[in-house]
């Protein structure tokens, strides 16, 4: 996958931390899942739906599943930048995709997905069109075709 990343599409960027690496001096595979969570939280905040605000309003977004494909490893001292987009949304479930790059490079290093549902504080399923029409419309507007 070769393409140029438009600066406005970058959702999140930070340096790789030493503790994230393994004995081979590359980022341990489990940390990319954590990165996707950081990216998702930043993406939601940038789109006007900070996690803390959703949770304050009684909306939780548990993870149902994740995928992660590793193409090019990261090492300590490097920086990663990421893009995120909503790929599926039906009022009950939400899916996002992630692409993680090294700044200035066009090759994608890591790709991933996450799937979520919506629940209230008692972990009961929520249907956003009924329980939060504004958030429902926002997710619809962010859905990638």
Protein backbone atom coordinates (compact mmCIF):
# COMPACT_ATOMS: atom_id res chain seq x y z
CA UNK A 1 0.00 0.00 0.00
CA UNK A 2 1.68 3.22 -1.14
CA UNK A 3 0.02 6.58 -0.79
CA UNK A 4 0.71 9.99 0.66
CA UNK A 5 -1.01 10.85 3.92
CA UNK A 6 -2.74 14.20 3.93
CA UNK A 7 -1.79 16.08 7.13
CA UNK A 8 -5.44 16.72 7.95
CA UNK A 9 -6.11 12.97 7.98
CA UNK A 10 -3.54 12.28 10.72
CA UNK A 11 -5.48 11.59 13.88
CA UNK A 12 -2.70 10.84 16.31
CA UNK A 13 1.09 10.98 16.57
CA UNK A 14 3.61 10.26 19.31
CA UNK A 15 7.06 8.72 19.87
CA UNK A 16 7.55 5.03 20.55
CA UNK A 17 8.35 4.48 24.23
CA UNK A 18 11.21 2.24 25.36
CA UNK A 19 8.92 0.08 27.52
CA UNK A 20 6.90 -0.79 24.41
CA UNK A 21 9.80 -2.67 22.85
CA UNK A 22 10.84 -6.28 23.31
CA UNK A 23 14.14 -8.10 23.43
CA UNK A 24 14.49 -7.73 19.66
CA UNK A 25 14.32 -3.94 20.16
CA UNK A 26 11.08 -3.64 18.19
CA UNK A 27 7.63 -2.74 19.48
CA UNK A 28 6.00 -5.80 21.03
CA UNK A 29 2.99 -6.91 19.00
CA UNK A 30 0.56 -6.44 21.89
CA UNK A 31 1.29 -2.71 22.06
CA UNK A 32 -0.24 -2.04 18.65
CA UNK A 33 -3.64 -2.94 20.10
CA UNK A 34 -3.05 -0.37 22.84
CA UNK A 35 -2.04 2.15 20.19
CA UNK A 36 -5.33 1.55 18.40
CA UNK A 37 -7.14 2.45 21.62
CA UNK A 38 -5.12 5.67 21.93
CA UNK A 39 -5.88 6.45 18.29
CA UNK A 40 -9.60 5.72 18.75
CA UNK A 41 -9.85 7.96 21.84
CA UNK A 42 -8.07 10.78 19.96
CA UNK A 43 -10.27 10.28 16.87
CA UNK A 44 -13.47 10.42 18.91
CA UNK A 45 -12.31 13.58 20.71
CA UNK A 46 -11.38 15.25 17.39
CA UNK A 47 -14.84 14.43 16.03
CA UNK A 48 -16.54 16.03 19.03
CA UNK A 49 -17.35 12.88 20.99
CA UNK A 50 -14.78 12.58 23.79
CA UNK A 51 -14.93 9.26 25.63
CA UNK A 52 -15.31 10.96 29.01
CA UNK A 53 -18.31 12.93 27.71
CA UNK A 54 -19.94 9.78 26.29
CA UNK A 55 -19.38 7.94 29.55
CA UNK A 56 -20.71 10.91 31.54
CA UNK A 57 -23.84 10.63 29.38
CA UNK A 58 -24.16 6.93 30.22
CA UNK A 59 -22.85 5.55 26.92
CA UNK A 60 -20.10 2.94 27.00
CA UNK A 61 -18.41 1.52 23.90
CA UNK A 62 -16.98 -1.91 24.75
CA UNK A 63 -14.68 -3.68 22.32
CA UNK A 64 -16.17 -6.75 20.67
CA UNK A 65 -13.12 -7.65 18.60
CA UNK A 66 -9.87 -6.42 17.09
CA UNK A 67 -7.59 -7.37 14.22
CA UNK A 68 -4.04 -6.24 13.65
CA UNK A 69 -1.65 -6.89 10.75
CA UNK A 70 2.03 -6.08 11.09
CA UNK A 71 3.86 -5.02 7.94
CA UNK A 72 6.89 -2.98 9.09
CA UNK A 73 8.04 -2.92 12.74
CA UNK A 74 8.62 0.16 14.84
CA UNK A 75 11.61 0.65 17.13
CA UNK A 76 12.35 2.81 20.14
CA UNK A 77 13.13 6.37 19.11
CA UNK A 78 10.83 6.33 16.11
CA UNK A 79 7.56 8.21 15.92
CA UNK A 80 4.28 6.79 14.72
CA UNK A 81 1.36 8.62 13.20
CA UNK A 82 -2.03 7.17 12.51
CA UNK A 83 -5.26 7.59 10.66
CA UNK A 84 -8.61 6.24 11.75
CA UNK A 85 -12.02 6.03 10.15
CA UNK A 86 -15.43 4.57 10.82
CA UNK A 87 -16.09 1.75 8.37
CA UNK A 88 -19.40 0.37 9.67
CA UNK A 89 -22.18 1.78 11.80
CA UNK A 90 -25.77 0.64 12.19
CA UNK A 91 -26.98 2.32 15.39
CA UNK A 92 -26.05 -0.68 17.52
CA UNK A 93 -22.52 -1.54 16.41
CA UNK A 94 -19.54 0.49 15.21
CA UNK A 95 -16.40 -0.62 13.37
CA UNK A 96 -13.24 1.40 12.84
CA UNK A 97 -10.09 0.88 10.80
CA UNK A 98 -6.60 2.10 11.63
CA UNK A 99 -3.47 2.71 9.57
CA UNK A 100 -0.19 3.41 11.35
CA UNK A 101 2.77 5.00 9.55
CA UNK A 102 6.23 6.37 10.11
CA UNK A 103 6.20 10.14 9.43
CA UNK A 104 7.42 10.99 5.95
CA UNK A 105 6.93 7.46 4.66
CA UNK A 106 4.07 6.36 2.46
CA UNK A 107 4.14 2.65 3.26
CA UNK A 108 1.66 1.60 5.92
CA UNK A 109 3.40 -0.21 8.79
CA UNK A 110 0.40 -1.57 10.69
CA UNK A 111 -3.28 -1.95 9.83
CA UNK A 112 -6.05 -2.88 12.20
CA UNK A 113 -9.73 -2.85 12.95
CA UNK A 114 -11.90 -2.74 16.03
CA UNK A 115 -15.56 -3.56 16.48
CA UNK A 116 -17.71 -2.07 19.24
CA UNK A 117 -21.25 -1.99 20.57
CA UNK A 118 -22.96 0.55 22.79
CA UNK A 119 -24.17 -0.11 26.32
CA UNK A 120 -25.41 1.88 29.29
CA UNK A 121 -23.64 1.92 32.66
CA UNK A 122 -25.42 -1.34 33.59
CA UNK A 123 -23.90 -2.97 30.47
CA UNK A 124 -27.35 -3.20 28.82
CA UNK A 125 -27.28 -2.73 25.02
CA UNK A 126 -28.18 0.70 23.65
CA UNK A 127 -29.71 1.62 20.32
CA UNK A 128 -28.29 5.05 19.58
CA UNK A 129 -31.01 6.13 17.10
CA UNK A 130 -33.51 5.90 19.96
CA UNK A 131 -31.37 6.79 22.98
CA UNK A 132 -29.09 9.44 21.50
CA UNK A 133 -30.24 10.69 18.06
CA UNK A 134 -27.55 13.40 17.93
CA UNK A 135 -24.71 10.93 18.42
CA UNK A 136 -26.39 8.58 15.96
CA UNK A 137 -26.42 11.33 13.30
CA UNK A 138 -22.79 12.18 14.01
CA UNK A 139 -21.69 8.56 13.52
CA UNK A 140 -23.72 8.37 10.31
CA UNK A 141 -22.01 11.52 9.03
CA UNK A 142 -18.56 10.05 9.80
CA UNK A 143 -19.27 6.70 8.16
CA UNK A 144 -16.90 6.09 5.25
CA UNK A 145 -18.56 4.92 2.05
